[in-house]
Amino acid sequence: MLHTMRKLGAALAIVFMAAGALYADGLAQGLDKQGQPDLKSAGPLAFGSDGVLFVGDPQGAAIFAIDTGDRSETSSRGPLTVEKVDAKIASLLGTTPDKILINDMAVNPASGTAYFSVSRGRGPDAAPAIVRIDTTGKLSDLSLEKVKYARAELPNAPGKDAKDRRGNSQRQESITDLAYINGRVLVAGLSNEEFASKLRSIPFPFKATDAGASIEIYHASHGKFETHSPVRTFAPYNLAGQEYLLAAYTCTPLVKIPLSALEPGEKVKGTTIAELGNRNRPLDMVVYQKDGHDWLLMANSSRGVMKIPTEGFENAEGLAKRVSDKAGVDYETIEGLQGVQHLDKDDKDRALLLVRSESGQLNLQTVELP
């Protein structure tokens, strides 16, 4: 009997080890390379499951999926505050705060660890780095020397020397935001085509990357249709059982776009459901639930943090005439949230914010979702 129990225990141990290996290799099954990813830059970030981090590389016009090894499940964690986080990241990278740019931030929903895409230096030749801060405030760099990863190249990105009419790099806008949902990586940015604004829906594991769908919107504060302005930030959202992207543009149209329309080569017209104010650039947005309602929370460069009720989005009519300032769905500005540069959900009740103080330093802090 004892011998039989030992055999059964050994068999169960093998089963559990195999199950653990499958779990650890869940989304990571799509990572077909091992070594050092050839990142030219580190831009927009998004998490999948199983510790897989998606990194947009605008200079390289590519999307990387990287196994961070960060799979620890954390059911509860306290609020996080890290002052002068830019100085601490710069010190970790062997430089000073004025020599780095923090391009994006994403929280691993399982562990609560925050990841930052960083440029060490300025301009197109800046060295990319990924830095993480765990729930205790400990900083570390994500070593990319021997990692599992996958790469998808964008076939029609703007050329490396392409400029817009103001002299800004269009290559840097090849990837402006990304997200992972239901086995697909959604990517916003510009292409080298006449209808330059693109949304791509790339299946993961990566195979061939298509040309993406061209996006046209009516920019009511400009009084015209636009096809050359990229989506700056977006969030997936379900409206009446259909998946949409809620997308925000500079100056500041809010648009809904059906996910099902994002077929390769299609020209898709988004529905502009709001103009949220000009002379402004949206930075980050998240969708959350509170008090039985769904809300959209959006950080902006010059108009603060907006709390927007999603009720009515489904039937909201598209703006079709020029407006002088604001129109469409309404919003509330959260006065207590000033200087927010990036935000992401920490859990269902809280958000993690990267905030620039009046003195100019960057601080990391957890807040209750408003």
Protein backbone atom coordinates (compact mmCIF):
# COMPACT_ATOMS: atom_id res chain seq x y z
CA MET A 1 0.00 0.00 0.00
CA LEU A 2 2.81 2.39 0.95
CA HIS A 3 4.61 1.53 -2.30
CA THR A 4 1.42 2.22 -4.26
CA MET A 5 0.93 5.60 -2.53
CA ARG A 6 4.51 6.55 -3.30
CA LYS A 7 4.00 5.69 -6.98
CA LEU A 8 0.77 7.70 -7.02
CA GLY A 9 2.53 10.67 -5.36
CA ALA A 10 5.33 10.52 -7.90
CA ALA A 11 2.84 10.39 -10.76
CA LEU A 12 0.92 13.37 -9.38
CA ALA A 13 4.16 15.29 -8.96
CA ILE A 14 4.95 14.71 -12.64
CA VAL A 15 1.44 15.87 -13.59
CA PHE A 16 1.75 19.02 -11.49
CA MET A 17 5.20 19.74 -12.89
CA ALA A 18 3.85 19.34 -16.41
CA ALA A 19 0.87 21.56 -15.63
CA GLY A 20 3.20 24.16 -14.19
CA ALA A 21 5.35 24.03 -17.30
CA LEU A 22 2.29 24.45 -19.49
CA TYR A 23 1.15 27.42 -17.41
CA ALA A 24 4.57 29.00 -17.52
CA ASP A 25 4.66 28.45 -21.26
CA GLY A 26 1.03 29.54 -21.91
CA LEU A 27 1.24 32.70 -23.97
CA ALA A 28 4.99 32.14 -24.13
CA GLN A 29 4.40 29.27 -26.58
CA GLY A 30 4.36 31.95 -29.26
CA LEU A 31 7.90 33.08 -28.41
CA ASP A 32 9.92 31.39 -31.12
CA LYS A 33 13.32 32.99 -30.55
CA GLN A 34 15.82 33.07 -27.71
CA GLY A 35 18.65 35.53 -27.25
CA GLN A 36 18.76 39.32 -27.29
CA PRO A 37 15.94 41.18 -29.07
CA ASP A 38 17.27 43.77 -31.51
CA LEU A 39 15.34 46.69 -30.03
CA LYS A 40 16.11 49.98 -31.78
CA SER A 41 13.82 51.88 -29.38
CA ALA A 42 11.35 51.15 -26.58
CA GLY A 43 7.97 52.84 -26.88
CA PRO A 44 4.39 51.76 -26.11
CA LEU A 45 3.97 48.80 -23.73
CA ALA A 46 1.17 46.31 -23.05
CA PHE A 47 0.89 43.07 -21.09
CA GLY A 48 -0.52 39.78 -22.22
CA SER A 49 -0.76 36.86 -19.81
CA ASP A 50 1.99 34.66 -18.35
CA GLY A 51 4.40 37.56 -17.98
CA VAL A 52 4.61 38.31 -21.70
CA LEU A 53 5.29 42.00 -22.34
CA PHE A 54 4.59 43.53 -25.74
CA VAL A 55 6.98 46.34 -26.64
CA GLY A 56 6.51 48.74 -29.53
CA ASP A 57 9.76 49.66 -31.29
CA PRO A 58 8.94 52.71 -33.46
CA GLN A 59 12.49 53.21 -34.75
CA GLY A 60 12.72 49.56 -35.75
CA ALA A 61 9.07 49.54 -36.95
CA ALA A 62 8.47 46.28 -35.08
CA ILE A 63 6.53 44.75 -32.19
CA PHE A 64 8.37 42.50 -29.74
CA ALA A 65 6.79 39.98 -27.37
CA ILE A 66 9.20 39.35 -24.48
CA ASP A 67 9.04 36.78 -21.68
CA THR A 68 9.67 38.75 -18.48
CA GLY A 69 9.46 35.64 -16.27
CA ASP A 70 7.16 37.69 -14.02
CA ARG A 71 4.31 35.25 -13.33
CA SER A 72 3.83 35.58 -9.58
CA GLU A 73 0.15 35.94 -8.73
CA THR A 74 -0.52 38.67 -6.16
CA SER A 75 -4.06 38.92 -4.84
CA SER A 76 -3.47 41.91 -2.58
CA ARG A 77 -0.89 44.66 -2.54
CA GLY A 78 -0.59 47.98 -0.79
CA PRO A 79 -0.36 51.44 -2.36
CA LEU A 80 2.99 52.31 -3.91
CA THR A 81 4.80 55.64 -3.67
CA VAL A 82 8.22 56.24 -5.22
CA GLU A 83 9.46 59.83 -5.20
CA LYS A 84 11.99 61.07 -7.75
CA VAL A 85 11.49 57.93 -9.77
CA ASP A 86 13.13 59.54 -12.82
CA ALA A 87 16.33 60.11 -10.82
CA LYS A 88 16.26 56.54 -9.53
CA ILE A 89 15.73 55.09 -13.01
CA ALA A 90 18.51 57.29 -14.39
CA SER A 91 20.86 56.18 -11.62
CA LEU A 92 20.08 52.53 -12.35
CA LEU A 93 21.01 53.17 -15.99
CA GLY A 94 24.18 55.04 -15.05
CA THR A 95 23.11 58.51 -16.12
CA THR A 96 21.15 61.58 -14.96
CA PRO A 97 17.42 62.42 -15.19
CA ASP A 98 17.95 64.99 -17.95
CA LYS A 99 19.49 62.27 -20.12
CA ILE A 100 16.49 59.88 -20.10
CA LEU A 101 12.92 59.85 -21.40
CA ILE A 102 10.22 57.62 -19.90
CA ASN A 103 8.11 56.70 -22.92
CA ASP A 104 5.41 54.47 -21.42
CA MET A 105 4.35 52.49 -18.36
CA ALA A 106 2.43 49.22 -18.01
CA VAL A 107 1.47 47.23 -14.91
CA ASN A 108 1.67 43.44 -14.96
CA PRO A 109 -1.87 42.59 -13.77
CA ALA A 110 -0.71 39.39 -12.07
CA SER A 111 2.20 40.68 -9.98
CA GLY A 112 1.54 44.43 -9.78
CA THR A 113 5.07 45.16 -11.00
CA ALA A 114 5.26 48.32 -13.10
CA TYR A 115 7.34 48.30 -16.30
CA PHE A 116 8.76 51.40 -17.98
CA SER A 117 10.08 51.84 -21.50
CA VAL A 118 13.00 54.25 -21.33
CA SER A 119 15.27 56.05 -23.78
CA ARG A 120 18.79 56.57 -22.46
CA GLY A 121 19.81 59.67 -24.37
CA ARG A 122 17.84 61.84 -26.79
CA GLY A 123 16.92 61.50 -30.44
CA PRO A 124 16.72 58.45 -32.74
CA ASP A 125 20.05 57.04 -31.52
CA ALA A 126 18.98 56.86 -27.85
CA ALA A 127 19.56 53.44 -26.29
CA PRO A 128 16.37 51.57 -25.26
CA ALA A 129 15.86 50.02 -21.83
CA ILE A 130 13.05 48.35 -19.87
CA VAL A 131 13.01 49.12 -16.15
CA ARG A 132 10.65 47.60 -13.59
CA ILE A 133 9.55 48.57 -10.10
CA ASP A 134 7.94 45.91 -7.91
CA THR A 135 5.26 46.43 -5.26
CA THR A 136 7.88 47.17 -2.60
CA GLY A 137 9.42 49.97 -4.68
CA LYS A 138 12.51 47.99 -5.68
CA LEU A 139 13.95 48.94 -9.08
CA SER A 140 15.65 46.59 -11.55
CA ASP A 141 16.37 46.55 -15.24
CA LEU A 142 14.85 43.82 -17.41
CA SER A 143 17.85 42.01 -18.85
CA LEU A 144 17.38 41.27 -22.55
CA GLU A 145 20.52 39.18 -23.03
CA LYS A 146 19.00 35.69 -22.99
CA VAL A 147 15.22 35.92 -23.19
CA LYS A 148 12.49 34.18 -25.10
CA TYR A 149 10.87 36.56 -27.53
CA ALA A 150 9.05 36.98 -30.83
CA ARG A 151 9.14 39.81 -33.37
CA ALA A 152 6.64 41.18 -35.89
CA GLU A 153 7.83 43.74 -38.42
CA LEU A 154 5.51 46.42 -39.82
CA PRO A 155 5.75 46.18 -43.61
CA ASN A 156 4.66 49.73 -44.52
CA ALA A 157 6.09 52.00 -41.82
CA PRO A 158 7.28 55.52 -42.67
CA GLY A 159 10.90 55.71 -43.77
CA LYS A 160 13.56 56.51 -41.20
CA ASP A 161 14.00 60.02 -42.60
CA ALA A 162 10.32 60.76 -43.24
CA LYS A 163 9.11 64.08 -41.73
CA ASP A 164 5.73 65.73 -41.42
CA ARG A 165 5.10 69.34 -42.48
CA ARG A 166 6.38 70.55 -39.10
CA GLY A 167 9.62 68.61 -39.40
CA ASN A 168 8.67 65.93 -36.87
CA SER A 169 9.72 62.31 -37.41
CA GLN A 170 6.96 60.20 -38.91
CA ARG A 171 8.97 57.06 -38.22
CA GLN A 172 8.63 57.76 -34.49
CA GLU A 173 4.84 57.69 -35.03
CA SER A 174 4.86 54.26 -36.67
CA ILE A 175 3.68 52.88 -33.29
CA THR A 176 1.75 55.21 -30.98
CA ASP A 177 -0.13 52.71 -28.78
CA LEU A 178 -0.81 49.00 -28.49
CA ALA A 179 -2.88 46.47 -26.55
CA TYR A 180 -3.33 42.70 -26.34
CA ILE A 181 -6.86 41.29 -26.46
CA ASN A 182 -8.28 37.86 -27.32
CA GLY A 183 -5.18 36.51 -29.02
CA ARG A 184 -4.43 39.64 -31.05
CA VAL A 185 -2.05 42.57 -30.67
CA LEU A 186 -3.74 45.83 -31.63
CA VAL A 187 -1.35 48.50 -32.89
CA ALA A 188 -2.01 52.17 -33.68
CA GLY A 189 0.32 54.38 -35.69
CA LEU A 190 1.26 55.78 -39.10
CA SER A 191 2.16 54.09 -42.37
CA ASN A 192 3.88 55.35 -45.53
CA GLU A 193 0.59 55.17 -47.47
CA GLU A 194 -1.70 58.00 -48.63
CA PHE A 195 -4.22 57.09 -45.91
CA ALA A 196 -1.44 57.11 -43.32
CA SER A 197 -3.38 56.52 -40.06
CA LYS A 198 -3.40 52.79 -39.34
CA LEU A 199 -4.86 50.30 -36.90
CA ARG A 200 -3.45 46.79 -37.11
CA SER A 201 -4.89 43.64 -35.59
CA ILE A 202 -1.98 41.16 -35.52
CA PRO A 203 -2.65 37.54 -34.48
CA PHE A 204 -0.36 36.14 -31.80
CA PRO A 205 1.73 33.96 -32.15
CA PHE A 206 3.19 36.25 -34.81
CA LYS A 207 3.25 35.16 -38.42
CA ALA A 208 3.16 37.49 -41.42
CA THR A 209 2.14 41.08 -40.59
CA ASP A 210 -0.34 42.70 -42.96
CA ALA A 211 -0.70 46.33 -44.06
CA GLY A 212 -3.43 47.08 -41.51
CA ALA A 213 -6.65 49.04 -41.86
CA SER A 214 -6.64 52.73 -42.82
CA ILE A 215 -8.59 54.95 -40.42
CA GLU A 216 -10.53 58.09 -41.31
CA ILE A 217 -12.23 60.34 -38.74
CA TYR A 218 -14.10 63.63 -38.72
CA HIS A 219 -12.16 66.14 -36.64
CA ALA A 220 -14.93 68.51 -35.63
CA SER A 221 -12.71 71.23 -34.15
CA HIS A 222 -10.89 71.36 -37.50
CA GLY A 223 -14.08 70.94 -39.51
CA LYS A 224 -12.66 68.28 -41.83
CA PHE A 225 -11.98 64.59 -42.30
CA GLU A 226 -8.50 63.40 -41.43
CA THR A 227 -6.47 60.36 -42.47
CA HIS A 228 -2.96 61.43 -41.48
CA SER A 229 -3.37 61.84 -37.71
CA PRO A 230 -2.57 58.70 -35.71
CA VAL A 231 -4.55 57.39 -32.77
CA ARG A 232 -2.64 58.55 -29.69
CA THR A 233 -4.15 56.20 -27.12
CA PHE A 234 -6.97 53.67 -27.11
CA ALA A 235 -8.80 51.15 -24.96
CA PRO A 236 -10.85 48.09 -26.01
CA TYR A 237 -14.46 48.25 -24.83
CA ASN A 238 -17.59 46.15 -25.36
CA LEU A 239 -20.70 47.98 -26.57
CA ALA A 240 -23.88 45.87 -26.70
CA GLY A 241 -21.91 42.66 -27.20
CA GLN A 242 -19.61 44.06 -29.91
CA GLU A 243 -15.94 44.86 -29.33
CA TYR A 244 -14.89 48.43 -30.08
CA LEU A 245 -11.81 50.54 -29.68
CA LEU A 246 -12.31 53.84 -27.90
CA ALA A 247 -9.61 55.98 -29.49
CA ALA A 248 -8.38 59.49 -28.75
CA TYR A 249 -6.52 61.83 -31.09
CA THR A 250 -4.54 65.01 -30.62
CA CYS A 251 -6.71 68.10 -30.18
CA THR A 252 -8.95 65.97 -28.93
CA PRO A 253 -11.51 63.84 -30.83
CA LEU A 254 -12.83 60.76 -29.03
CA VAL A 255 -13.80 58.07 -31.54
CA LYS A 256 -15.37 54.62 -31.47
CA ILE A 257 -14.17 52.05 -34.01
CA PRO A 258 -15.60 48.51 -34.34
CA LEU A 259 -12.88 45.94 -33.89
CA SER A 260 -14.47 43.69 -36.51
CA ALA A 261 -13.83 46.36 -39.18
CA LEU A 262 -10.04 46.19 -38.83
CA GLU A 263 -9.44 43.99 -41.84
CA PRO A 264 -6.21 44.29 -43.85
CA GLY A 265 -6.47 46.88 -46.61
CA GLU A 266 -9.87 48.20 -45.49
CA LYS A 267 -10.65 51.91 -45.18
CA VAL A 268 -12.54 52.34 -41.93
CA LYS A 269 -14.42 55.46 -40.84
CA GLY A 270 -14.53 55.94 -37.09
CA THR A 271 -17.45 57.64 -35.33
CA THR A 272 -16.41 60.82 -33.52
CA ILE A 273 -18.55 60.84 -30.37
CA ALA A 274 -16.88 63.82 -28.66
CA GLU A 275 -14.55 66.77 -29.04
CA LEU A 276 -12.85 67.12 -25.66
CA GLY A 277 -10.94 70.35 -26.27
CA ASN A 278 -8.20 71.62 -28.56
CA ARG A 279 -4.50 72.30 -27.92
CA ASN A 280 -4.22 69.02 -26.09
CA ARG A 281 -2.63 65.61 -26.53
CA PRO A 282 -4.16 62.52 -24.91
CA LEU A 283 -1.56 60.40 -23.10
CA ASP A 284 -3.16 57.25 -21.62
CA MET A 285 -6.64 55.86 -21.03
CA VAL A 286 -8.19 52.99 -19.08
CA VAL A 287 -11.73 51.66 -18.66
CA TYR A 288 -12.98 50.67 -15.21
CA GLN A 289 -16.12 50.00 -13.19
CA LYS A 290 -17.25 51.91 -10.12
CA ASP A 291 -20.59 52.27 -8.33
CA GLY A 292 -22.24 50.02 -10.91
CA HIS A 293 -21.15 52.12 -13.90
CA ASP A 294 -18.37 51.98 -16.50
CA TRP A 295 -16.00 54.90 -16.85
CA LEU A 296 -13.21 55.98 -19.17
CA LEU A 297 -10.27 57.69 -17.44
CA MET A 298 -7.93 59.63 -19.71
CA ALA A 299 -4.75 61.58 -18.92
CA ASN A 300 -3.92 64.55 -21.15
CA SER A 301 -1.03 66.90 -21.77
CA SER A 302 -2.87 70.15 -21.03
CA ARG A 303 -6.47 69.35 -19.99
CA GLY A 304 -5.87 67.24 -16.91
CA VAL A 305 -7.38 63.82 -16.19
CA MET A 306 -10.87 63.31 -17.61
CA LYS A 307 -13.48 60.95 -16.19
CA ILE A 308 -15.96 60.09 -18.95
CA PRO A 309 -19.15 58.04 -18.40
CA THR A 310 -19.54 55.36 -21.08
CA GLU A 311 -23.34 55.26 -20.84
CA GLY A 312 -24.69 56.40 -24.18
CA PHE A 313 -21.57 55.50 -26.16
CA GLU A 314 -23.48 52.76 -27.98
CA ASN A 315 -26.04 55.14 -29.50
CA ALA A 316 -23.95 58.30 -29.60
CA GLU A 317 -24.27 59.96 -33.00
CA GLY A 318 -21.15 61.02 -34.82
CA LEU A 319 -20.28 64.70 -34.94
CA ALA A 320 -20.67 66.00 -38.48
CA LYS A 321 -20.26 69.78 -38.17
CA ARG A 322 -17.44 72.02 -37.08
CA VAL A 323 -17.43 72.98 -33.38
CA SER A 324 -15.56 75.83 -31.71
CA ASP A 325 -14.54 73.98 -28.54
CA LYS A 326 -16.28 70.96 -27.01
CA ALA A 327 -19.18 68.80 -28.14
CA GLY A 328 -20.64 65.30 -27.81
CA VAL A 329 -20.35 63.14 -24.70
CA ASP A 330 -19.59 65.03 -21.50
CA TYR A 331 -16.81 64.53 -18.98
CA GLU A 332 -15.55 65.60 -15.56
CA THR A 333 -12.05 66.91 -14.92
CA ILE A 334 -10.52 65.36 -11.78
CA GLU A 335 -9.06 68.42 -10.08
CA GLY A 336 -6.99 66.40 -7.59
CA LEU A 337 -4.96 64.73 -10.33
CA GLN A 338 -2.43 67.19 -11.74
CA GLY A 339 0.68 66.59 -13.80
CA VAL A 340 -0.16 62.99 -14.76
CA GLN A 341 2.20 61.79 -17.51
CA HIS A 342 1.17 58.13 -17.65
CA LEU A 343 -1.46 55.97 -15.99
CA ASP A 344 -2.44 52.31 -15.91
CA LYS A 345 -4.80 50.20 -13.83
CA ASP A 346 -3.12 48.71 -10.77
CA ASP A 347 -6.15 46.57 -9.94
CA LYS A 348 -9.91 46.93 -10.32
CA ASP A 349 -10.07 49.71 -7.71
CA ARG A 350 -6.81 51.60 -8.15
CA ALA A 351 -4.59 53.21 -10.76
CA LEU A 352 -0.84 53.71 -10.85
CA LEU A 353 0.21 57.21 -11.93
CA LEU A 354 3.48 58.72 -13.09
CA VAL A 355 3.18 62.35 -12.00
CA ARG A 356 5.35 65.38 -12.67
CA SER A 357 5.49 67.60 -9.58
CA GLU A 358 5.66 71.39 -9.56
CA SER A 359 9.42 71.10 -9.00
CA GLY A 360 9.74 69.07 -12.20
CA GLN A 361 10.59 65.68 -10.70
CA LEU A 362 8.60 62.55 -11.54
CA ASN A 363 6.89 60.59 -8.78
CA LEU A 364 5.10 57.24 -8.90
CA GLN A 365 1.93 56.89 -6.85
CA THR A 366 -1.13 54.69 -6.41
CA VAL A 367 -4.57 56.33 -6.23
CA GLU A 368 -8.13 55.11 -5.87
CA LEU A 369 -9.96 55.17 -9.20
CA PRO A 370 -12.26 58.23 -9.02
